[in-house]
Amino acid sequence: MKKIIVTVAIVAVLSIAFANGITPAYVASAPGVASGIGAKLLCSGRYVSGFSQQQALDDLVKYSPLLDYLSVEFDDSNERVTTSFLGLATTTATHVDGIGCYADYEGFEQRADYAAEERIPMPVFSSRWPHGTRVETIDSAIQSQLDAMIAADNTEGLDTRALLIVHNGQIIAESYAGEADAETPLLGWSMAKSLMAIMLGNLEYRGLLDPTTTPVVEQWADDERANIELTDLLTMTDGLAFSEAYNPGDDATAMLFTEASGSDYAIRRPVAQRPGTQFNYSSGTANILSRVYFNHTGATLADSLADYREHIATPLSFQHTVFEPDAAGILVGSSYFYASARDWARIGQMMLNGGVLNGHRIVSEDWVERATSPNSSRNNRAYGYQFWLNRGNADQRWPDLPPDAYAANGNREQSVTVLPSQDLVVVRLGWTTGRYPINDRIVQIMGWLTTE
């Protein structure tokens, strides 16, 4: 009987796949990836961002029609989500206070061990932003225009949840929609890459990391990957074979949704190109950088989080953030940093200030210059140290913005855009399917500023 049920389930998966133009090769990995992404995102949406169960589900199914076939169990009392894809694969993700959600893996107790430790909560300050939570610099005219912009976005189906403008170092307007507000930690996806680069820049500033030392990770000491330098990793020109296509069975989906240790998966990837010559966008590379941070800050979850807290989160005065580690206890620097719009803006303002915020130097001014300069690749130079650049290629990325603009960008069109020549930071968070017109929106915002 059990074999019959499994056979029927497999036929159902194939039928669903073919109906959506998906090949059988895709299907082999689909159950594990589907249950993995389901449990992880639903858990974090519910227990990190604080969304309703329905909102978390609505967000999830936008990734694939196959996710409509998940069975889902929310356990609010234990802050846990279990998903199953047609009975072929089941995943449970558990929320741990302070470090968010990740899938549970047998034999990996790092997150549970961290949960058992006594920790002092992050301080919440009542001082003015960017140090604290108080915002007293709103420009009423621009606030009205930004409110109209977020309303127009959502009338157009762009699903914008937060828009925030920092001009001359002050928040002059912020608008929220749906279940989000000024205190909601929102998923930045790949904007976490930019933060991890900053964290490594902080280690360099403190003299704990030499960017010229090779091998970058000890597992590469005896093969051709020993020549890969930290700068190659920061600029995504490391030459490692890694596919970011986000299909089941693809490197990115396997690493993020079926592996206990994302960095272990990425470190095992072979060389495909000579380092420094070819840009290849890779979340695997970002998680190798996370491993570098881990290795240089004590090589335990508690130690790396303590370093992050002392030298990044507290000086930047993060108020509503969660940086999630994987089951092996290593921060997922490719993808899983949740922060309020105000906290994301703190990162942008620190970069705009040349590495300083709240009287604390986080990275050197020279590091900011290097991080926002074009890379050495032959195919895409408009990428710095995990930041997308407007300059570097023949055409600007954002044709109507100043050449010095750069941004942290993430899936579903998350962005923290920094425009140094305008003394401007614009944060946009949402859940867009397709493209968001960030060029046009920022042009509008710059227009508002010139008519103040």
Protein backbone atom coordinates (compact mmCIF):
# COMPACT_ATOMS: atom_id res chain seq x y z
CA MET A 1 0.00 0.00 0.00
CA LYS A 2 2.80 2.37 0.95
CA LYS A 3 4.52 1.74 -2.42
CA ILE A 4 1.28 2.57 -4.22
CA ILE A 5 0.94 5.85 -2.32
CA VAL A 6 4.54 6.81 -3.10
CA THR A 7 4.06 5.90 -6.78
CA VAL A 8 0.91 8.01 -6.98
CA ALA A 9 2.77 10.91 -5.35
CA ILE A 10 5.62 10.67 -7.84
CA VAL A 11 3.17 10.62 -10.74
CA ALA A 12 1.51 13.68 -9.24
CA VAL A 13 4.84 15.51 -9.02
CA LEU A 14 5.61 14.67 -12.64
CA SER A 15 2.18 15.84 -13.74
CA ILE A 16 2.55 19.11 -11.86
CA ALA A 17 6.02 19.61 -13.30
CA PHE A 18 5.04 18.90 -16.90
CA ALA A 19 2.02 21.18 -16.56
CA ASN A 20 4.37 23.99 -15.61
CA GLY A 21 6.97 23.26 -18.28
CA ILE A 22 9.46 21.61 -15.90
CA THR A 23 11.67 18.67 -16.86
CA PRO A 24 11.99 15.32 -15.02
CA ALA A 25 15.56 16.23 -13.94
CA TYR A 26 14.08 19.13 -12.04
CA VAL A 27 11.64 16.80 -10.31
CA ALA A 28 14.31 14.61 -8.72
CA SER A 29 15.38 17.43 -6.39
CA ALA A 30 12.04 19.25 -6.17
CA PRO A 31 10.58 17.55 -3.06
CA GLY A 32 13.57 18.28 -0.82
CA VAL A 33 13.99 21.83 -2.08
CA ALA A 34 10.26 22.55 -1.85
CA SER A 35 9.94 21.34 1.72
CA GLY A 36 13.23 23.06 2.64
CA ILE A 37 12.37 26.48 1.26
CA GLY A 38 8.86 26.15 2.67
CA ALA A 39 9.86 25.39 6.24
CA LYS A 40 12.66 27.99 6.29
CA LEU A 41 10.78 30.93 4.79
CA LEU A 42 7.52 30.24 6.58
CA CYS A 43 9.30 29.96 9.94
CA SER A 44 11.21 33.22 9.45
CA GLY A 45 8.26 35.07 7.98
CA ARG A 46 6.09 34.06 10.92
CA TYR A 47 8.51 34.24 13.86
CA VAL A 48 11.16 36.74 12.74
CA SER A 49 9.16 39.25 10.72
CA GLY A 50 6.04 38.56 12.77
CA PHE A 51 3.77 38.11 9.76
CA SER A 52 0.45 36.31 9.94
CA GLN A 53 0.40 32.71 8.78
CA GLN A 54 -1.50 33.77 5.68
CA GLN A 55 1.00 36.49 4.75
CA ALA A 56 3.91 34.07 5.18
CA LEU A 57 2.13 31.55 2.95
CA ASP A 58 1.25 34.15 0.33
CA ASP A 59 4.89 35.21 0.13
CA LEU A 60 6.14 31.64 -0.17
CA VAL A 61 3.96 30.50 -3.07
CA LYS A 62 5.10 33.42 -5.23
CA TYR A 63 8.34 31.49 -5.78
CA SER A 64 6.82 28.51 -7.58
CA PRO A 65 3.41 26.99 -8.32
CA LEU A 66 4.79 23.71 -6.92
CA LEU A 67 4.78 25.24 -3.45
CA ASP A 68 0.98 25.29 -3.50
CA TYR A 69 1.22 21.52 -3.00
CA LEU A 70 3.06 21.70 0.32
CA SER A 71 1.28 20.58 3.42
CA VAL A 72 2.12 23.02 6.21
CA GLU A 73 1.88 22.84 9.98
CA PHE A 74 2.51 25.99 12.06
CA ASP A 75 3.32 25.25 15.69
CA ASP A 76 3.04 28.72 17.20
CA SER A 77 3.52 27.51 20.76
CA ASN A 78 6.97 26.10 19.93
CA GLU A 79 7.67 28.52 17.06
CA ARG A 80 8.23 25.75 14.58
CA VAL A 81 7.04 25.00 11.04
CA THR A 82 6.89 21.60 9.37
CA THR A 83 6.30 21.20 5.65
CA SER A 84 5.89 18.14 3.47
CA PHE A 85 5.84 17.90 -0.31
CA LEU A 86 3.35 15.21 -1.25
CA GLY A 87 4.84 12.99 1.46
CA LEU A 88 8.11 12.67 -0.49
CA ALA A 89 10.14 15.06 1.68
CA THR A 90 9.47 16.62 5.06
CA THR A 91 11.37 19.48 6.69
CA THR A 92 11.01 21.15 10.08
CA ALA A 93 12.44 24.60 10.81
CA THR A 94 12.62 25.90 14.35
CA HIS A 95 12.86 29.49 15.59
CA VAL A 96 15.54 30.28 18.17
CA ASP A 97 15.31 33.64 19.90
CA GLY A 98 17.99 36.00 18.64
CA ILE A 99 19.13 33.88 15.68
CA GLY A 100 15.91 33.23 13.80
CA CYS A 101 15.02 30.09 11.87
CA TYR A 102 16.77 27.30 10.03
CA ALA A 103 15.92 23.75 9.06
CA ASP A 104 16.63 21.15 11.73
CA TYR A 105 19.29 18.55 10.88
CA GLU A 106 20.08 15.48 12.94
CA GLY A 107 23.50 15.73 14.58
CA PHE A 108 23.69 19.53 14.35
CA GLU A 109 22.99 21.04 17.75
CA GLN A 110 24.79 24.37 17.42
CA ARG A 111 21.63 26.46 17.29
CA ALA A 112 20.01 24.59 20.17
CA ASP A 113 23.17 24.96 22.24
CA TYR A 114 23.16 28.69 21.58
CA ALA A 115 19.51 28.88 22.63
CA ALA A 116 20.41 27.36 26.00
CA GLU A 117 22.91 30.12 26.80
CA GLU A 118 21.95 33.21 28.78
CA ARG A 119 22.43 36.36 26.72
CA ILE A 120 21.90 40.06 27.31
CA PRO A 121 19.35 41.52 24.86
CA MET A 122 20.50 44.12 22.35
CA PRO A 123 20.00 47.63 23.75
CA VAL A 124 17.16 49.78 22.40
CA PHE A 125 17.97 53.50 22.44
CA SER A 126 15.49 56.35 22.65
CA SER A 127 17.98 58.80 21.14
CA ARG A 128 17.68 60.21 17.63
CA TRP A 129 18.28 58.07 14.57
CA PRO A 130 20.82 56.80 13.53
CA HIS A 131 21.81 56.10 17.14
CA GLY A 132 18.32 55.41 18.44
CA THR A 133 14.67 54.97 17.56
CA ARG A 134 13.57 58.60 17.62
CA VAL A 135 12.87 60.19 14.21
CA GLU A 136 12.09 63.91 14.41
CA THR A 137 13.29 65.05 11.00
CA ILE A 138 10.36 64.13 8.76
CA ASP A 139 9.68 66.58 5.92
CA SER A 140 5.89 66.68 5.71
CA ALA A 141 5.78 67.50 2.00
CA ILE A 142 8.17 64.70 1.02
CA GLN A 143 6.42 62.34 3.44
CA SER A 144 3.14 62.93 1.61
CA GLN A 145 4.82 62.24 -1.73
CA LEU A 146 6.44 59.07 -0.43
CA ASP A 147 3.10 57.86 0.94
CA ALA A 148 1.64 58.39 -2.52
CA MET A 149 4.57 56.50 -4.07
CA ILE A 150 4.13 53.41 -1.90
CA ALA A 151 0.38 53.48 -2.57
CA ALA A 152 1.03 53.67 -6.32
CA ASP A 153 3.53 50.82 -6.08
CA ASN A 154 0.97 48.58 -4.49
CA THR A 155 -1.82 49.62 -6.84
CA GLU A 156 0.53 48.44 -9.60
CA GLY A 157 1.06 45.11 -7.79
CA LEU A 158 4.69 45.79 -6.87
CA ASP A 159 4.13 44.80 -3.22
CA THR A 160 6.34 47.44 -1.63
CA ARG A 161 6.44 47.17 2.16
CA ALA A 162 8.87 49.91 3.13
CA LEU A 163 10.30 53.03 1.51
CA LEU A 164 12.69 55.24 3.43
CA ILE A 165 14.70 58.32 2.48
CA VAL A 166 17.81 59.56 4.29
CA HIS A 167 19.05 62.97 3.13
CA ASN A 168 21.96 64.86 4.67
CA GLY A 169 22.20 62.15 7.33
CA GLN A 170 18.58 62.39 8.49
CA ILE A 171 15.45 60.34 7.81
CA ILE A 172 13.18 62.78 6.02
CA ALA A 173 10.40 60.34 5.04
CA GLU A 174 9.44 56.71 5.64
CA SER A 175 6.36 54.84 4.46
CA TYR A 176 5.13 51.32 5.23
CA ALA A 177 2.46 49.03 3.85
CA GLY A 178 0.82 45.70 4.55
CA GLU A 179 1.92 44.04 7.79
CA ALA A 180 5.22 45.96 7.96
CA ASP A 181 6.05 48.97 10.09
CA ALA A 182 9.16 50.80 11.32
CA GLU A 183 10.04 47.95 13.70
CA THR A 184 9.50 45.00 11.34
CA PRO A 185 12.64 42.98 10.51
CA LEU A 186 12.35 42.38 6.76
CA LEU A 187 14.35 39.88 4.74
CA GLY A 188 17.04 41.49 2.63
CA TRP A 189 18.03 38.31 0.79
CA SER A 190 21.32 39.13 -0.97
CA MET A 191 21.71 42.47 0.76
CA ALA A 192 23.19 40.29 3.52
CA LYS A 193 26.18 39.87 1.20
CA SER A 194 26.98 43.57 1.50
CA LEU A 195 26.81 43.40 5.29
CA MET A 196 29.10 40.36 5.40
CA ALA A 197 31.62 42.24 3.25
CA ILE A 198 31.48 45.09 5.77
CA MET A 199 32.05 42.63 8.60
CA LEU A 200 35.19 41.36 6.88
CA GLY A 201 36.24 44.94 6.27
CA ASN A 202 35.89 45.49 10.01
CA LEU A 203 38.20 42.54 10.71
CA GLU A 204 40.73 44.05 8.30
CA TYR A 205 40.42 47.46 10.03
CA ARG A 206 41.06 45.80 13.40
CA GLY A 207 44.14 43.99 12.06
CA LEU A 208 42.58 40.54 12.36
CA LEU A 209 42.38 39.74 8.64
CA ASP A 210 45.01 40.20 5.95
CA PRO A 211 43.24 40.26 2.56
CA THR A 212 46.40 39.09 0.78
CA THR A 213 46.85 35.87 2.78
CA THR A 214 46.23 32.62 0.91
CA PRO A 215 44.73 30.09 1.03
CA VAL A 216 41.61 31.87 2.18
CA VAL A 217 40.27 28.62 3.66
CA GLU A 218 42.47 25.77 4.77
CA GLN A 219 40.63 23.17 2.68
CA TRP A 220 42.16 24.75 -0.43
CA ALA A 221 45.78 24.60 0.72
CA ASP A 222 46.84 21.72 -1.51
CA ASP A 223 45.06 22.43 -4.78
CA GLU A 224 44.64 25.15 -7.42
CA ARG A 225 42.13 27.03 -5.25
CA ALA A 226 45.02 28.03 -2.98
CA ASN A 227 45.62 30.97 -5.34
CA ILE A 228 42.16 32.47 -4.81
CA GLU A 229 42.49 35.70 -2.82
CA LEU A 230 39.96 37.34 -0.53
CA THR A 231 39.46 40.17 -3.03
CA ASP A 232 38.52 37.60 -5.69
CA LEU A 233 35.79 36.32 -3.38
CA LEU A 234 34.58 39.79 -2.43
CA THR A 235 34.20 40.78 -6.09
CA MET A 236 32.70 37.44 -7.22
CA THR A 237 35.70 36.82 -9.49
CA ASP A 238 37.00 33.76 -7.63
CA GLY A 239 36.51 31.44 -10.60
CA LEU A 240 34.66 28.74 -8.65
CA ALA A 241 31.97 26.74 -10.43
CA PHE A 242 28.63 27.72 -8.91
CA SER A 243 25.21 28.02 -10.52
CA GLU A 244 22.80 30.67 -9.24
CA ALA A 245 19.84 29.64 -11.41
CA TYR A 246 17.58 28.69 -8.46
CA ASN A 247 16.10 25.53 -9.92
CA PRO A 248 15.80 22.39 -7.76
CA GLY A 249 19.13 20.60 -7.97
CA ASP A 250 20.92 23.84 -8.77
CA ASP A 251 23.83 24.85 -6.51
CA ALA A 252 22.06 27.78 -4.86
CA THR A 253 18.89 25.90 -3.97
CA ALA A 254 20.78 22.83 -2.80
CA MET A 255 23.03 24.94 -0.59
CA LEU A 256 20.30 27.08 0.97
CA PHE A 257 17.48 24.58 1.34
CA THR A 258 18.93 21.08 1.61
CA GLU A 259 22.31 21.50 3.35
CA ALA A 260 23.12 21.81 7.05
CA SER A 261 26.24 23.86 6.23
CA GLY A 262 26.05 26.26 3.31
CA SER A 263 29.74 27.15 3.51
CA ASP A 264 30.81 23.49 3.44
CA TYR A 265 28.83 23.05 0.23
CA ALA A 266 30.40 26.12 -1.36
CA ILE A 267 33.96 25.35 -0.26
CA ARG A 268 33.77 22.01 -2.10
CA ARG A 269 33.09 23.66 -5.48
CA PRO A 270 35.86 23.23 -8.10
CA VAL A 271 37.62 25.91 -10.12
CA ALA A 272 36.08 26.79 -13.48
CA GLN A 273 37.92 30.03 -14.37
CA ARG A 274 41.23 31.68 -13.54
CA PRO A 275 40.68 33.84 -10.42
CA GLY A 276 40.24 37.55 -11.05
CA THR A 277 39.17 37.24 -14.68
CA GLN A 278 35.49 36.29 -14.77
CA PHE A 279 32.60 37.70 -12.73
CA ASN A 280 30.13 35.00 -11.65
CA TYR A 281 27.44 36.01 -9.21
CA SER A 282 27.45 33.35 -6.49
CA SER A 283 25.72 32.95 -3.17
CA GLY A 284 28.19 30.15 -2.58
CA THR A 285 31.02 32.66 -2.66
CA ALA A 286 29.16 34.81 -0.13
CA ASN A 287 28.90 31.86 2.25
CA ILE A 288 32.62 31.17 1.91
CA LEU A 289 33.09 34.75 3.10
CA SER A 290 30.82 33.91 6.04
CA ARG A 291 33.10 31.00 6.83
CA VAL A 292 36.11 33.33 6.75
CA TYR A 293 34.39 35.56 9.31
CA PHE A 294 33.53 32.53 11.43
CA ASN A 295 37.09 31.20 11.33
CA HIS A 296 38.57 34.58 12.32
CA THR A 297 36.19 35.23 15.23
CA GLY A 298 36.56 32.12 17.37
CA ALA A 299 35.09 29.43 15.09
CA THR A 300 31.97 28.94 17.21
CA LEU A 301 28.49 30.36 16.80
CA ALA A 302 28.63 32.11 20.18
CA ASP A 303 32.04 33.65 19.46
CA SER A 304 31.20 34.89 15.97
CA LEU A 305 27.91 36.37 17.13
CA ALA A 306 29.64 38.04 20.08
CA ASP A 307 32.14 39.64 17.68
CA TYR A 308 29.36 40.73 15.34
CA ARG A 309 27.42 42.21 18.22
CA GLU A 310 30.37 44.10 19.73
CA HIS A 311 31.91 45.44 16.53
CA ILE A 312 29.00 45.68 14.07
CA ALA A 313 25.51 45.59 15.59
CA THR A 314 26.15 47.75 18.66
CA PRO A 315 28.26 50.47 16.99
CA LEU A 316 25.77 50.69 14.12
CA SER A 317 22.98 50.68 16.73
CA PHE A 318 20.88 48.00 15.08
CA GLN A 319 17.49 48.01 16.80
CA HIS A 320 15.39 45.39 15.01
CA THR A 321 17.64 42.85 13.30
CA VAL A 322 18.23 39.10 13.15
CA PHE A 323 21.21 37.48 11.41
CA GLU A 324 20.40 33.80 10.93
CA PRO A 325 23.05 31.05 11.07
CA ASP A 326 22.72 27.70 9.37
CA ALA A 327 22.44 24.41 11.25
CA ALA A 328 26.24 24.27 11.53
CA GLY A 329 26.22 27.58 13.39
CA ILE A 330 27.67 29.77 10.63
CA LEU A 331 25.94 33.00 9.61
CA VAL A 332 24.26 32.71 6.21
CA GLY A 333 25.92 35.77 4.73
CA SER A 334 24.48 35.10 1.30
CA SER A 335 20.86 35.57 2.27
CA TYR A 336 19.48 35.61 5.79
CA PHE A 337 19.79 39.01 7.44
CA TYR A 338 16.49 40.51 8.58
CA ALA A 339 16.34 44.20 9.49
CA SER A 340 13.92 47.09 9.72
CA ALA A 341 14.11 49.77 7.03
CA ARG A 342 15.78 52.08 9.56
CA ASP A 343 18.45 49.48 10.29
CA TRP A 344 19.08 48.85 6.60
CA ALA A 345 19.43 52.64 6.24
CA ARG A 346 22.09 52.65 8.98
CA ILE A 347 24.25 50.40 6.79
CA GLY A 348 23.84 52.71 3.80
CA GLN A 349 24.57 55.81 5.85
CA MET A 350 27.71 54.26 7.33
CA MET A 351 28.98 53.58 3.82
CA LEU A 352 28.08 57.09 2.68
CA ASN A 353 29.99 58.47 5.70
CA GLY A 354 33.16 56.69 4.57
CA GLY A 355 32.93 53.90 7.16
CA VAL A 356 31.75 55.82 10.25
CA LEU A 357 28.42 55.91 12.10
CA ASN A 358 27.41 57.01 15.57
CA GLY A 359 30.97 58.10 16.27
CA HIS A 360 32.35 54.62 15.57
CA ARG A 361 34.60 53.67 12.66
CA ILE A 362 33.42 50.33 11.29
CA VAL A 363 35.69 50.09 8.23
CA SER A 364 38.49 52.27 6.90
CA GLU A 365 37.80 55.00 4.39
CA ASP A 366 40.18 53.22 2.03
CA TRP A 367 38.09 50.04 2.36
CA VAL A 368 34.92 51.94 1.36
CA GLU A 369 36.77 53.29 -1.68
CA ARG A 370 37.92 49.80 -2.68
CA ALA A 371 34.50 48.29 -1.96
CA THR A 372 32.78 50.72 -4.33
CA SER A 373 35.32 50.54 -7.17
CA PRO A 374 34.95 48.38 -10.32
CA ASN A 375 36.43 44.88 -10.27
CA SER A 376 39.06 43.40 -12.60
CA SER A 377 36.87 40.97 -14.58
CA ARG A 378 36.49 40.83 -18.34
CA ASN A 379 32.70 40.49 -18.36
CA ASN A 380 31.15 42.66 -15.61
CA ARG A 381 33.21 45.26 -13.80
CA ALA A 382 30.24 47.06 -12.20
CA TYR A 383 30.46 45.12 -8.95
CA GLY A 384 32.58 45.96 -5.92
CA TYR A 385 32.88 44.17 -2.61
CA GLN A 386 29.38 42.65 -2.65
CA PHE A 387 27.90 45.98 -3.79
CA TRP A 388 26.41 46.64 -7.22
CA LEU A 389 27.91 49.71 -8.90
CA ASN A 390 26.48 52.19 -11.37
CA ARG A 391 29.88 52.55 -13.02
CA GLY A 392 32.42 50.12 -14.39
CA ASN A 393 30.76 48.94 -17.61
CA ALA A 394 30.07 50.77 -20.87
CA ASP A 395 26.51 51.56 -19.78
CA GLN A 396 25.34 52.62 -16.33
CA ARG A 397 23.27 50.14 -14.37
CA TRP A 398 20.80 52.92 -13.45
CA PRO A 399 20.97 55.26 -16.46
CA ASP A 400 19.47 58.33 -14.81
CA LEU A 401 21.32 58.17 -11.50
CA PRO A 402 24.75 59.70 -10.76
CA PRO A 403 27.73 57.52 -11.75
CA ASP A 404 28.83 57.25 -8.11
CA ALA A 405 25.62 55.45 -7.06
CA TYR A 406 25.93 51.94 -5.67
CA ALA A 407 23.61 49.54 -3.90
CA ALA A 408 23.07 46.47 -1.82
CA ASN A 409 20.46 44.49 -3.75
CA GLY A 410 18.43 41.41 -2.92
CA ASN A 411 15.86 39.03 -4.38
CA ARG A 412 12.31 40.35 -4.65
CA GLU A 413 13.87 43.75 -5.41
CA GLN A 414 15.24 44.69 -2.01
CA SER A 415 17.65 47.62 -2.20
CA VAL A 416 19.70 50.05 -0.19
CA THR A 417 20.90 52.59 -2.75
CA VAL A 418 23.65 55.03 -1.79
CA LEU A 419 24.17 58.22 -3.81
CA PRO A 420 27.22 59.98 -2.32
CA SER A 421 27.04 63.03 -4.60
CA GLN A 422 23.43 63.59 -3.50
CA ASP A 423 24.10 62.83 0.21
CA LEU A 424 21.20 60.41 -0.19
CA VAL A 425 20.30 56.87 0.88
CA VAL A 426 17.09 55.22 -0.34
CA VAL A 427 15.80 51.96 1.17
CA ARG A 428 13.21 49.88 -0.64
CA LEU A 429 11.88 46.60 0.79
CA GLY A 430 9.11 44.46 -0.64
CA TRP A 431 8.17 41.23 -2.37
CA THR A 432 8.08 42.07 -6.05
CA THR A 433 7.65 39.45 -8.73
CA GLY A 434 9.65 40.76 -11.68
CA ARG A 435 11.42 44.11 -11.73
CA TYR A 436 10.99 47.16 -9.55
CA PRO A 437 11.59 50.56 -11.26
CA ILE A 438 14.24 51.72 -8.78
CA ASN A 439 15.89 54.06 -11.31
CA ASP A 440 12.62 55.90 -11.95
CA ARG A 441 11.61 56.03 -8.28
CA ILE A 442 14.92 57.51 -7.17
CA VAL A 443 14.79 60.05 -10.00
CA GLN A 444 11.41 61.12 -8.59
CA ILE A 445 12.86 61.37 -5.10
CA MET A 446 15.81 63.46 -6.31
CA GLY A 447 13.29 65.75 -7.97
CA TRP A 448 11.46 66.24 -4.68
CA LEU A 449 14.72 67.20 -2.99
CA THR A 450 15.55 69.89 -5.56
CA THR A 451 12.17 71.57 -4.97
CA GLU A 452 12.42 71.64 -1.17
